[in-house]
Amino acid sequence: MDEPRIKLAVDNAKPVVPPHSAPSNPAAADAWPEPILPGTAKTPDIPASLLPGWVGAMAGAVAASTQTPEAASVMLCLSALATVLQRQFEVAPWNDDYREPLSLWSLIALPSGSRKSAILTALTEPMVRWERRERDRLRAEIARNFAQREVAAKRVEKLKADAGKAKTAEDRERLEIEIQQEREAIPAELIAPRIFSGDVTPERLQALLVEQSERMSVLSDEAGIFQVMSGTYSGGIANLDVFLQGHAGSPIRVDRAGRVAHLDRPALSFGLMIQPGILADSGNQKRFRDSGLLARFLYALPESNVGTRDVRERRPVPDSVKTAWEANLLDFLNSQERPAGVPRVIPFTEDAREIWLEFAEQVEPEQRPGGRLEHIADWSSKLPGAVARIAGLLEIALNGLTADAVGTDAVARAVLLGEALIEHALAAFALMGAVQAEEDAACVLRWIQARGLSEFTRREAQKAMESRFKSVDRLKIALRQLQDWHVLRQVERRTETRGRPSPCCVVNPRILSTGLDRH
């Protein structure tokens, strides 16, 4: 179990630079790593090998066929799994009343021309066919059900008219009893199964959740859903509650004139593929951030393949891979109860729980003031729960519907994915303009380059930019960001007078010699 996990972690590891040490010859440019400047940071790969068996095979094959980053197919595969398994299962990492549903929100940002539609079509094709088959299978029954309901409604209207004309109390009471019996005999409306939509209003989503046994997904390669959530079609204000409650599985109670929706365990998943510019614009929606909407997505911002693809290459998804993907999705869909029953709870094994807790322990301190994840703590605080959900999906992918516990393999894969997703989330929130630390770091970088500084003290930096850095704590965060970018190293040097250490920053000579300010 640990051996492949360690190997993969080592293969993807970045060189570690000691945070408080300077090279023996600071002036030597070759003693420093290449700086990572604003707008140039690369997110780590999310390989299809992180997904097990038939799921990983499909993710890899679709990426190869469309010549797209594997991260896009990996995240959309997970959303497809969530679509067919949500509301049927929950995971219990502690094997107690703390549960995580298997709904999942993924958002992949790729530029136009990146073949997003091809990825979405390949992965959702079995679900589209299943919906069409079920609609055709139930067509006659739905028509019969409609006719029965129409006739019953007409019968009730006639009885109501007769009751209004009744001459005696006995006749009126008899007719009221008949009306009651007729109403009770009206069959429930029969609706063809739906499992996902591409664009839906909050009001229609509530109705779909009621109609479709409390489960629904939004899978799309367009950004229309963001326009809906921003209130473009509703006077600038949209009801986000149904989206937020659908992610958490919280009960929904709507009682409004003309619309009633009572849901006990709503399950909503997202699989969105949008342009980076659309994602950047969503950062301007303060309500998205304040409501926790943006904190619920798992982001993937892979490097685009556009411009490097081999136009002569044609590599279809192998039939065996496609068949396995379709067969497993259909098994999961056909196992769904309608109406939905109580979700089956799958606990973590003790060893799996320990791996999950080690990951949570790594994330937690990074969220404190001054920590690397402080500015996205709303997102990172949900990450261990999201990793638990992913582990549940992978366990069922590994062992099928009879899976009785989430094991170490599924959790180790989910943790590795979670570690990579942190870097993608940092890039996503930076794109949305939500990272003050990066803006501050870029300001310090410009100050360094403008003055050609090879080193400086923290006091000098604060005095030079005191209008921005009224708090030394804010400057410390910016300097730590520059250190992560390999722009500088912080050291402590003793003064000759008092011998007290003075915080000093030694600058990467590459910053001065190449003029690499791309902010």
Protein backbone atom coordinates (compact mmCIF):
# COMPACT_ATOMS: atom_id res chain seq x y z
CA MET A 1 0.00 0.00 0.00
CA ASP A 2 2.60 2.56 1.06
CA GLU A 3 5.17 1.63 -1.59
CA PRO A 4 3.32 2.92 -4.68
CA ARG A 5 2.11 5.94 -2.71
CA ILE A 6 5.63 6.86 -1.65
CA LYS A 7 6.98 6.27 -5.16
CA LEU A 8 4.36 8.51 -6.73
CA ALA A 9 4.95 11.20 -4.12
CA VAL A 10 8.70 11.07 -4.71
CA ASP A 11 8.29 11.19 -8.47
CA ASN A 12 6.16 14.32 -8.21
CA ALA A 13 8.19 15.99 -5.47
CA LYS A 14 9.69 19.45 -5.98
CA PRO A 15 13.21 20.31 -4.81
CA VAL A 16 13.12 21.58 -1.25
CA VAL A 17 14.85 24.87 -0.49
CA PRO A 18 15.69 25.36 3.21
CA PRO A 19 13.62 28.37 4.30
CA HIS A 20 16.24 30.09 6.45
CA SER A 21 19.50 29.40 4.71
CA ALA A 22 21.39 31.19 1.99
CA PRO A 23 23.69 29.58 -0.55
CA SER A 24 27.39 29.56 0.26
CA ASN A 25 27.86 32.04 -2.57
CA PRO A 26 24.64 34.09 -2.75
CA ALA A 27 25.90 36.06 -5.72
CA ALA A 28 26.10 32.97 -7.90
CA ALA A 29 22.95 32.71 -10.00
CA ASP A 30 23.47 28.98 -10.55
CA ALA A 31 23.18 28.46 -6.77
CA TRP A 32 19.49 29.39 -6.96
CA PRO A 33 16.52 27.58 -8.53
CA GLU A 34 14.63 29.24 -11.34
CA PRO A 35 12.25 31.84 -9.87
CA ILE A 36 8.52 31.31 -10.18
CA LEU A 37 7.08 34.73 -10.94
CA PRO A 38 3.48 35.97 -10.79
CA GLY A 39 1.44 34.46 -13.57
CA THR A 40 4.08 31.83 -14.44
CA ALA A 41 3.50 29.19 -11.74
CA LYS A 42 2.63 25.77 -13.14
CA THR A 43 0.12 23.55 -11.44
CA PRO A 44 1.11 19.91 -10.86
CA ASP A 45 -0.09 17.15 -13.12
CA ILE A 46 -3.06 15.07 -12.02
CA PRO A 47 -2.32 11.74 -13.72
CA ALA A 48 -5.03 9.27 -14.69
CA SER A 49 -3.05 6.62 -12.77
CA LEU A 50 -4.42 8.13 -9.55
CA LEU A 51 -7.78 6.60 -10.45
CA PRO A 52 -8.13 2.82 -10.14
CA GLY A 53 -8.92 0.23 -12.78
CA TRP A 54 -11.60 0.96 -15.34
CA VAL A 55 -12.01 4.58 -14.18
CA GLY A 56 -8.34 5.44 -14.57
CA ALA A 57 -8.22 3.61 -17.90
CA MET A 58 -11.09 5.70 -19.23
CA ALA A 59 -9.62 8.97 -17.96
CA GLY A 60 -6.28 8.20 -19.57
CA ALA A 61 -7.81 7.01 -22.84
CA VAL A 62 -10.05 10.07 -23.20
CA ALA A 63 -7.11 12.39 -22.49
CA ALA A 64 -4.98 10.58 -25.08
CA SER A 65 -7.78 10.54 -27.65
CA THR A 66 -8.59 14.23 -27.29
CA GLN A 67 -4.96 15.26 -26.65
CA THR A 68 -6.02 17.12 -23.51
CA PRO A 69 -4.50 17.26 -20.00
CA GLU A 70 -5.27 14.18 -17.95
CA ALA A 71 -6.37 16.41 -15.06
CA ALA A 72 -9.49 17.40 -17.01
CA SER A 73 -10.59 13.82 -17.61
CA VAL A 74 -9.71 12.77 -14.05
CA MET A 75 -11.88 15.42 -12.44
CA LEU A 76 -14.78 14.91 -14.83
CA CYS A 77 -14.59 11.13 -14.28
CA LEU A 78 -14.98 11.76 -10.55
CA SER A 79 -18.02 13.98 -11.15
CA ALA A 80 -19.51 11.29 -13.39
CA LEU A 81 -19.00 8.71 -10.62
CA ALA A 82 -20.62 11.05 -8.12
CA THR A 83 -23.55 11.52 -10.49
CA VAL A 84 -24.38 7.80 -10.54
CA LEU A 85 -23.55 7.03 -6.88
CA GLN A 86 -24.69 10.09 -4.91
CA ARG A 87 -27.65 9.61 -2.58
CA GLN A 88 -27.06 5.83 -2.61
CA PHE A 89 -24.00 5.91 -0.35
CA GLU A 90 -22.33 7.96 2.35
CA VAL A 91 -18.93 7.47 3.96
CA ALA A 92 -18.20 7.57 7.70
CA PRO A 93 -14.47 8.14 8.32
CA TRP A 94 -14.91 7.71 12.09
CA ASN A 95 -17.65 5.07 11.78
CA ASP A 96 -19.99 7.31 13.80
CA ASP A 97 -22.58 9.97 13.00
CA TYR A 98 -20.12 12.14 11.00
CA ARG A 99 -21.00 11.34 7.40
CA GLU A 100 -19.94 12.68 4.04
CA PRO A 101 -22.27 12.25 1.05
CA LEU A 102 -20.73 11.30 -2.27
CA SER A 103 -21.74 14.45 -4.12
CA LEU A 104 -18.75 16.19 -5.69
CA TRP A 105 -18.18 19.57 -7.34
CA SER A 106 -15.37 19.80 -9.88
CA LEU A 107 -14.43 22.79 -12.03
CA ILE A 108 -11.86 22.56 -14.80
CA ALA A 109 -10.56 25.78 -16.38
CA LEU A 110 -9.26 25.46 -19.94
CA PRO A 111 -9.16 28.03 -22.76
CA SER A 112 -11.39 27.95 -25.83
CA GLY A 113 -10.34 25.35 -28.37
CA SER A 114 -9.18 22.88 -25.71
CA ARG A 115 -11.71 20.20 -26.74
CA LYS A 116 -13.74 20.44 -23.57
CA SER A 117 -16.87 19.28 -25.39
CA ALA A 118 -15.10 16.15 -26.62
CA ILE A 119 -14.16 15.16 -23.07
CA LEU A 120 -17.66 15.81 -21.74
CA THR A 121 -19.32 13.88 -24.56
CA ALA A 122 -17.06 10.85 -24.19
CA LEU A 123 -17.65 10.56 -20.44
CA THR A 124 -21.39 11.32 -20.35
CA GLU A 125 -22.45 9.34 -23.41
CA PRO A 126 -23.54 6.26 -21.39
CA MET A 127 -25.66 8.44 -19.11
CA VAL A 128 -27.34 10.14 -22.07
CA ARG A 129 -28.15 6.76 -23.61
CA TRP A 130 -29.49 5.46 -20.28
CA GLU A 131 -31.83 8.45 -19.97
CA ARG A 132 -33.04 7.96 -23.55
CA ARG A 133 -33.58 4.23 -23.02
CA GLU A 134 -35.54 4.79 -19.80
CA ARG A 135 -37.65 7.48 -21.45
CA ASP A 136 -38.50 5.14 -24.32
CA ARG A 137 -39.17 2.21 -21.99
CA LEU A 138 -41.58 4.24 -19.87
CA ARG A 139 -43.23 6.18 -22.70
CA ALA A 140 -46.45 4.12 -22.80
CA GLU A 141 -46.67 3.90 -19.01
CA ILE A 142 -46.14 7.65 -18.65
CA ALA A 143 -48.91 8.31 -21.22
CA ARG A 144 -51.27 5.96 -19.36
CA ASN A 145 -50.40 7.59 -16.04
CA PHE A 146 -51.09 11.03 -17.53
CA ALA A 147 -54.47 9.92 -18.84
CA GLN A 148 -55.44 8.42 -15.46
CA ARG A 149 -54.51 11.61 -13.65
CA GLU A 150 -56.42 13.74 -16.17
CA VAL A 151 -59.56 11.59 -15.89
CA ALA A 152 -59.34 11.57 -12.11
CA ALA A 153 -58.97 15.37 -12.05
CA LYS A 154 -62.05 15.75 -14.27
CA ARG A 155 -63.96 13.33 -12.02
CA VAL A 156 -63.02 15.39 -8.93
CA GLU A 157 -64.13 18.60 -10.63
CA LYS A 158 -67.51 17.06 -11.47
CA LEU A 159 -67.98 15.79 -7.92
CA LYS A 160 -67.10 19.23 -6.56
CA ALA A 161 -69.72 20.80 -8.82
CA ASP A 162 -72.30 18.22 -7.71
CA ALA A 163 -71.43 18.81 -4.05
CA GLY A 164 -71.98 22.52 -4.53
CA LYS A 165 -75.50 21.82 -5.82
CA ALA A 166 -76.37 19.19 -3.19
CA LYS A 167 -79.77 19.82 -1.62
CA THR A 168 -79.18 17.92 1.61
CA ALA A 169 -76.32 17.63 4.09
CA GLU A 170 -76.32 13.86 3.59
CA ASP A 171 -75.83 14.19 -0.18
CA ARG A 172 -73.07 16.77 0.31
CA GLU A 173 -71.26 14.57 2.86
CA ARG A 174 -71.51 11.56 0.54
CA LEU A 175 -70.02 13.56 -2.34
CA GLU A 176 -67.22 14.91 -0.11
CA ILE A 177 -66.30 11.34 0.78
CA GLU A 178 -66.24 10.43 -2.92
CA ILE A 179 -64.01 13.43 -3.65
CA GLN A 180 -61.63 12.32 -0.92
CA GLN A 181 -61.55 8.77 -2.28
CA GLU A 182 -60.96 10.00 -5.82
CA ARG A 183 -58.08 12.22 -4.68
CA GLU A 184 -56.48 9.38 -2.75
CA ALA A 185 -56.78 7.11 -5.79
CA ILE A 186 -55.03 9.53 -8.16
CA PRO A 187 -51.75 7.83 -9.09
CA ALA A 188 -48.51 9.68 -8.39
CA GLU A 189 -47.11 11.46 -11.41
CA LEU A 190 -44.72 9.25 -13.35
CA ILE A 191 -41.69 11.10 -14.71
CA ALA A 192 -38.89 9.71 -16.86
CA PRO A 193 -35.58 9.46 -14.97
CA ARG A 194 -33.07 12.28 -15.40
CA ILE A 195 -29.60 12.27 -13.90
CA PHE A 196 -28.02 15.50 -15.08
CA SER A 197 -28.69 18.88 -16.63
CA GLY A 198 -26.43 21.37 -18.35
CA ASP A 199 -28.09 24.62 -17.34
CA VAL A 200 -30.79 25.04 -14.71
CA THR A 201 -32.35 27.75 -12.57
CA PRO A 202 -32.53 27.34 -8.78
CA GLU A 203 -36.32 26.96 -8.96
CA ARG A 204 -36.16 24.28 -11.64
CA LEU A 205 -33.34 22.53 -9.77
CA GLN A 206 -35.53 22.28 -6.69
CA ALA A 207 -38.26 20.71 -8.83
CA LEU A 208 -35.81 18.28 -10.46
CA LEU A 209 -34.54 17.17 -7.06
CA VAL A 210 -38.12 16.49 -5.98
CA GLU A 211 -38.87 14.61 -9.20
CA GLN A 212 -35.62 12.65 -9.38
CA SER A 213 -35.39 11.06 -5.92
CA GLU A 214 -33.38 13.94 -4.43
CA ARG A 215 -30.40 13.63 -6.76
CA MET A 216 -29.24 15.71 -9.72
CA SER A 217 -26.01 16.83 -11.39
CA VAL A 218 -24.97 19.75 -13.55
CA LEU A 219 -22.42 18.63 -16.13
CA SER A 220 -21.51 21.22 -18.73
CA ASP A 221 -18.75 22.70 -20.85
CA GLU A 222 -20.42 26.12 -20.84
CA ALA A 223 -20.60 28.82 -18.18
CA GLY A 224 -24.35 29.40 -18.26
CA ILE A 225 -24.81 28.06 -14.73
CA PHE A 226 -22.56 30.82 -13.38
CA GLN A 227 -24.77 33.41 -15.04
CA VAL A 228 -27.77 31.77 -13.40
CA MET A 229 -26.13 31.75 -9.97
CA SER A 230 -25.03 35.37 -10.34
CA GLY A 231 -28.65 36.40 -10.89
CA THR A 232 -28.31 37.46 -14.54
CA TYR A 233 -31.83 36.19 -15.25
CA SER A 234 -33.40 37.12 -11.93
CA GLY A 235 -32.77 40.81 -11.42
CA GLY A 236 -29.22 40.39 -10.13
CA ILE A 237 -30.13 38.18 -7.18
CA ALA A 238 -30.24 34.39 -7.34
CA ASN A 239 -31.18 31.90 -4.66
CA LEU A 240 -28.00 29.95 -3.90
CA ASP A 241 -29.49 27.91 -1.06
CA VAL A 242 -30.47 24.92 -3.18
CA PHE A 243 -26.92 24.66 -4.57
CA LEU A 244 -25.27 24.92 -1.16
CA GLN A 245 -27.70 22.53 0.53
CA GLY A 246 -27.36 20.06 -2.33
CA HIS A 247 -23.61 19.87 -1.73
CA ALA A 248 -23.99 19.34 2.02
CA GLY A 249 -27.02 17.05 1.83
CA SER A 250 -28.92 19.37 4.18
CA PRO A 251 -32.75 19.24 4.28
CA ILE A 252 -34.60 21.69 2.05
CA ARG A 253 -38.03 23.06 2.93
CA VAL A 254 -39.59 25.46 0.43
CA ASP A 255 -43.18 26.58 0.95
CA ARG A 256 -44.02 29.42 -1.40
CA ALA A 257 -47.07 30.31 -3.41
CA GLY A 258 -47.08 28.00 -6.40
CA ARG A 259 -43.95 26.12 -5.37
CA VAL A 260 -43.41 23.51 -2.66
CA ALA A 261 -40.23 21.44 -2.27
CA HIS A 262 -39.50 19.17 0.69
CA LEU A 263 -36.21 17.27 0.49
CA ASP A 264 -34.54 15.27 3.25
CA ARG A 265 -31.14 14.45 1.73
CA PRO A 266 -30.67 16.36 -1.53
CA ALA A 267 -27.59 15.35 -3.51
CA LEU A 268 -26.13 17.69 -6.11
CA SER A 269 -22.90 17.26 -8.08
CA PHE A 270 -21.15 19.55 -10.54
CA GLY A 271 -18.75 18.80 -13.38
CA LEU A 272 -17.98 22.10 -15.11
CA MET A 273 -15.46 22.92 -17.81
CA ILE A 274 -15.13 26.65 -18.41
CA GLN A 275 -12.70 29.23 -19.74
CA PRO A 276 -10.19 30.74 -17.28
CA GLY A 277 -11.59 34.19 -18.01
CA ILE A 278 -15.04 33.12 -16.81
CA LEU A 279 -13.48 31.77 -13.63
CA ALA A 280 -11.62 35.05 -13.13
CA ASP A 281 -14.87 37.00 -13.49
CA SER A 282 -16.60 34.83 -10.90
CA GLY A 283 -14.13 36.14 -8.34
CA ASN A 284 -15.83 39.52 -8.70
CA GLN A 285 -19.04 38.01 -7.34
CA LYS A 286 -18.55 38.74 -3.65
CA ARG A 287 -21.62 36.73 -2.78
CA PHE A 288 -20.08 33.62 -4.36
CA ARG A 289 -17.18 33.80 -1.91
CA ASP A 290 -19.13 34.97 1.13
CA SER A 291 -21.76 32.23 0.75
CA GLY A 292 -19.16 29.47 0.51
CA LEU A 293 -20.11 28.62 -3.07
CA LEU A 294 -16.57 28.93 -4.43
CA ALA A 295 -15.21 26.95 -1.46
CA ARG A 296 -17.17 23.88 -2.51
CA PHE A 297 -15.52 23.38 -5.91
CA LEU A 298 -12.43 21.24 -6.50
CA TYR A 299 -10.46 23.19 -9.10
CA ALA A 300 -8.21 21.96 -11.87
CA LEU A 301 -6.21 24.48 -13.90
CA PRO A 302 -3.98 22.28 -16.07
CA GLU A 303 -1.61 23.62 -18.66
CA SER A 304 -3.37 23.74 -22.01
CA ASN A 305 -2.20 21.49 -24.87
CA VAL A 306 -3.36 23.97 -27.51
CA GLY A 307 -0.53 24.61 -29.94
CA THR A 308 1.37 21.42 -29.15
CA ARG A 309 -1.11 18.77 -30.37
CA ASP A 310 -0.28 16.38 -33.17
CA VAL A 311 -2.97 17.05 -35.77
CA ARG A 312 -2.03 13.88 -37.67
CA GLU A 313 -2.60 11.63 -34.69
CA ARG A 314 -5.91 9.83 -34.30
CA ARG A 315 -6.23 7.63 -31.22
CA PRO A 316 -9.81 6.54 -30.47
CA VAL A 317 -10.72 5.29 -27.02
CA PRO A 318 -10.24 1.48 -27.13
CA ASP A 319 -13.52 -0.45 -27.30
CA SER A 320 -12.62 -2.50 -24.23
CA VAL A 321 -12.06 0.65 -22.15
CA LYS A 322 -15.24 2.29 -23.41
CA THR A 323 -17.28 -0.88 -22.78
CA ALA A 324 -16.01 -1.21 -19.20
CA TRP A 325 -16.80 2.44 -18.49
CA GLU A 326 -20.32 2.12 -19.85
CA ALA A 327 -21.05 -1.23 -18.20
CA ASN A 328 -20.04 -0.01 -14.75
CA LEU A 329 -21.94 3.28 -15.02
CA LEU A 330 -25.06 1.42 -16.15
CA ASP A 331 -24.74 -1.03 -13.24
CA PHE A 332 -24.63 1.87 -10.82
CA LEU A 333 -27.56 3.62 -12.50
CA ASN A 334 -29.70 0.49 -12.61
CA SER A 335 -29.08 -0.08 -8.90
CA GLN A 336 -30.68 3.26 -7.95
CA GLU A 337 -33.87 2.97 -5.95
CA ARG A 338 -36.83 5.11 -6.97
CA PRO A 339 -37.92 6.65 -4.71
CA ALA A 340 -34.55 6.75 -3.01
CA GLY A 341 -34.16 4.92 0.27
CA VAL A 342 -31.74 5.56 3.12
CA PRO A 343 -28.13 5.85 1.85
CA ARG A 344 -25.88 2.93 2.75
CA VAL A 345 -23.04 4.03 5.03
CA ILE A 346 -19.52 2.77 4.31
CA PRO A 347 -16.99 3.20 7.16
CA PHE A 348 -13.22 3.66 6.85
CA THR A 349 -10.89 0.92 8.00
CA GLU A 350 -8.56 1.93 10.84
CA ASP A 351 -5.52 2.09 8.56
CA ALA A 352 -7.44 4.12 5.96
CA ARG A 353 -8.63 6.52 8.66
CA GLU A 354 -5.03 7.03 9.80
CA ILE A 355 -3.92 8.02 6.28
CA TRP A 356 -6.85 10.42 6.04
CA LEU A 357 -6.08 11.95 9.46
CA GLU A 358 -2.40 12.43 8.58
CA PHE A 359 -3.52 14.43 5.56
CA ALA A 360 -5.96 16.50 7.64
CA GLU A 361 -3.16 17.17 10.14
CA GLN A 362 -0.96 18.54 7.35
CA VAL A 363 -3.69 20.86 6.08
CA GLU A 364 -4.92 22.24 9.41
CA PRO A 365 -1.90 24.30 10.56
CA GLU A 366 -1.48 25.84 7.10
CA GLN A 367 -4.82 27.62 7.63
CA ARG A 368 -3.76 29.60 10.69
CA PRO A 369 -2.80 33.31 10.40
CA GLY A 370 0.35 33.56 8.32
CA GLY A 371 -0.11 30.04 6.99
CA ARG A 372 0.13 29.17 3.33
CA LEU A 373 -3.62 28.46 3.09
CA GLU A 374 -4.87 31.25 5.32
CA HIS A 375 -6.40 33.20 2.43
CA ILE A 376 -8.30 30.15 1.14
CA ALA A 377 -9.17 28.63 4.51
CA ASP A 378 -12.82 28.55 3.48
CA TRP A 379 -11.79 26.12 0.72
CA SER A 380 -9.07 24.16 2.51
CA SER A 381 -11.25 23.57 5.58
CA LYS A 382 -13.56 21.55 3.33
CA LEU A 383 -10.71 19.63 1.68
CA PRO A 384 -10.45 16.69 4.14
CA GLY A 385 -14.19 16.12 3.72
CA ALA A 386 -13.84 16.27 -0.07
CA VAL A 387 -10.97 13.76 0.09
CA ALA A 388 -13.19 11.44 2.15
CA ARG A 389 -15.87 11.70 -0.56
CA ILE A 390 -13.36 10.95 -3.30
CA ALA A 391 -12.10 7.94 -1.33
CA GLY A 392 -15.67 6.62 -1.11
CA LEU A 393 -16.16 6.98 -4.86
CA LEU A 394 -12.86 5.23 -5.57
CA GLU A 395 -13.64 2.39 -3.15
CA ILE A 396 -16.88 1.63 -4.97
CA ALA A 397 -15.06 1.90 -8.29
CA LEU A 398 -12.53 -0.62 -6.94
CA ASN A 399 -14.91 -3.13 -5.37
CA GLY A 400 -18.36 -2.40 -6.74
CA LEU A 401 -21.68 -1.88 -5.04
CA THR A 402 -20.90 -4.52 -2.41
CA ALA A 403 -17.99 -2.48 -0.97
CA ASP A 404 -18.31 -2.67 2.82
CA ALA A 405 -15.41 -0.44 3.96
CA VAL A 406 -13.20 2.26 2.48
CA GLY A 407 -9.68 0.83 2.44
CA THR A 408 -6.14 2.16 2.32
CA ASP A 409 -5.76 2.04 -1.45
CA ALA A 410 -8.76 4.29 -2.08
CA VAL A 411 -7.78 6.74 0.67
CA ALA A 412 -4.11 6.90 -0.39
CA ARG A 413 -5.16 7.72 -3.96
CA ALA A 414 -7.63 10.33 -2.71
CA VAL A 415 -4.98 11.94 -0.48
CA LEU A 416 -2.49 12.22 -3.34
CA LEU A 417 -5.19 13.84 -5.43
CA GLY A 418 -6.05 16.19 -2.56
CA GLU A 419 -2.42 17.26 -2.25
CA ALA A 420 -2.31 18.15 -5.94
CA LEU A 421 -5.64 19.95 -5.75
CA ILE A 422 -4.23 22.36 -3.16
CA GLU A 423 -1.87 23.81 -5.78
CA HIS A 424 -4.69 24.05 -8.31
CA ALA A 425 -6.93 25.81 -5.77
CA LEU A 426 -4.17 28.33 -5.01
CA ALA A 427 -3.91 29.04 -8.73
CA ALA A 428 -7.70 29.27 -9.10
CA PHE A 429 -8.17 31.73 -6.25
CA ALA A 430 -5.20 33.76 -7.48
CA LEU A 431 -6.90 33.92 -10.89
CA MET A 432 -10.07 35.12 -9.18
CA GLY A 433 -8.11 37.92 -7.52
CA ALA A 434 -8.66 36.55 -4.05
CA VAL A 435 -5.04 36.35 -2.95
CA GLN A 436 -3.79 39.48 -1.24
CA ALA A 437 -0.47 37.79 -0.45
CA GLU A 438 0.36 37.44 -4.16
CA GLU A 439 -0.49 41.07 -4.87
CA ASP A 440 1.67 42.17 -1.93
CA ALA A 441 4.50 39.90 -3.04
CA ALA A 442 4.36 41.34 -6.56
CA CYS A 443 4.60 44.83 -5.09
CA VAL A 444 7.73 43.90 -3.11
CA LEU A 445 9.19 42.26 -6.21
CA ARG A 446 8.77 45.46 -8.22
CA TRP A 447 10.45 47.42 -5.42
CA ILE A 448 13.42 45.00 -5.42
CA GLN A 449 13.87 45.19 -9.19
CA ALA A 450 13.45 48.95 -9.40
CA ARG A 451 16.32 49.42 -6.95
CA GLY A 452 18.44 46.48 -8.09
CA LEU A 453 18.68 45.15 -4.53
CA SER A 454 20.81 42.09 -3.86
CA GLU A 455 19.68 42.05 -0.24
CA PHE A 456 17.63 44.13 2.17
CA THR A 457 16.22 44.01 5.69
CA ARG A 458 12.59 43.59 6.56
CA ARG A 459 12.67 46.97 8.29
CA GLU A 460 13.91 48.65 5.09
CA ALA A 461 11.13 47.07 3.05
CA GLN A 462 8.42 48.09 5.49
CA LYS A 463 9.68 51.67 5.68
CA ALA A 464 9.89 51.95 1.88
CA MET A 465 6.32 50.65 1.42
CA GLU A 466 4.75 51.76 4.68
CA SER A 467 1.54 52.88 2.97
CA ARG A 468 0.87 49.24 2.01
CA PHE A 469 2.52 47.42 4.91
CA LYS A 470 1.27 49.19 8.00
CA SER A 471 1.40 45.75 9.66
CA VAL A 472 4.67 43.82 9.71
CA ASP A 473 2.61 40.60 9.73
CA ARG A 474 1.28 41.42 6.28
CA LEU A 475 4.82 42.01 5.03
CA LYS A 476 5.95 38.71 6.52
CA ILE A 477 3.29 36.89 4.51
CA ALA A 478 4.39 38.65 1.31
CA LEU A 479 8.04 37.76 1.94
CA ARG A 480 7.10 34.16 2.57
CA GLN A 481 5.28 34.14 -0.77
CA LEU A 482 8.41 35.48 -2.49
CA GLN A 483 10.42 32.79 -0.77
CA ASP A 484 8.03 30.14 -2.13
CA TRP A 485 8.59 31.68 -5.57
CA HIS A 486 12.38 31.35 -5.07
CA VAL A 487 12.73 35.13 -5.42
CA LEU A 488 14.53 35.49 -2.11
CA ARG A 489 15.72 33.68 1.00
CA GLN A 490 15.23 34.99 4.49
CA VAL A 491 18.19 34.76 6.85
CA GLU A 492 19.09 36.19 10.22
CA ARG A 493 22.28 38.21 10.52
CA ARG A 494 23.74 39.60 13.70
CA THR A 495 24.52 43.27 13.97
CA GLU A 496 27.97 44.31 15.21
CA THR A 497 26.62 46.60 17.95
CA ARG A 498 24.18 44.53 19.93
CA GLY A 499 24.54 41.09 18.47
CA ARG A 500 20.77 40.76 18.03
CA PRO A 501 19.64 38.95 14.89
CA SER A 502 18.26 41.18 12.16
CA PRO A 503 15.86 39.66 9.59
CA CYS A 504 17.49 39.98 6.21
CA CYS A 505 16.44 38.93 2.71
CA VAL A 506 18.94 37.73 0.12
CA VAL A 507 17.68 38.16 -3.46
CA ASN A 508 17.92 35.60 -6.26
CA PRO A 509 20.39 37.15 -8.77
CA ARG A 510 18.30 35.79 -11.65
CA ILE A 511 15.61 38.36 -10.77
CA LEU A 512 18.05 41.20 -11.34
CA SER A 513 19.90 39.84 -14.36
CA THR A 514 16.92 38.82 -16.46
CA GLY A 515 14.28 41.40 -15.63
CA LEU A 516 11.60 38.78 -15.30
CA ASP A 517 8.77 40.85 -13.85
CA ARG A 518 5.73 39.48 -15.70
CA HIS A 519 3.05 40.67 -13.32
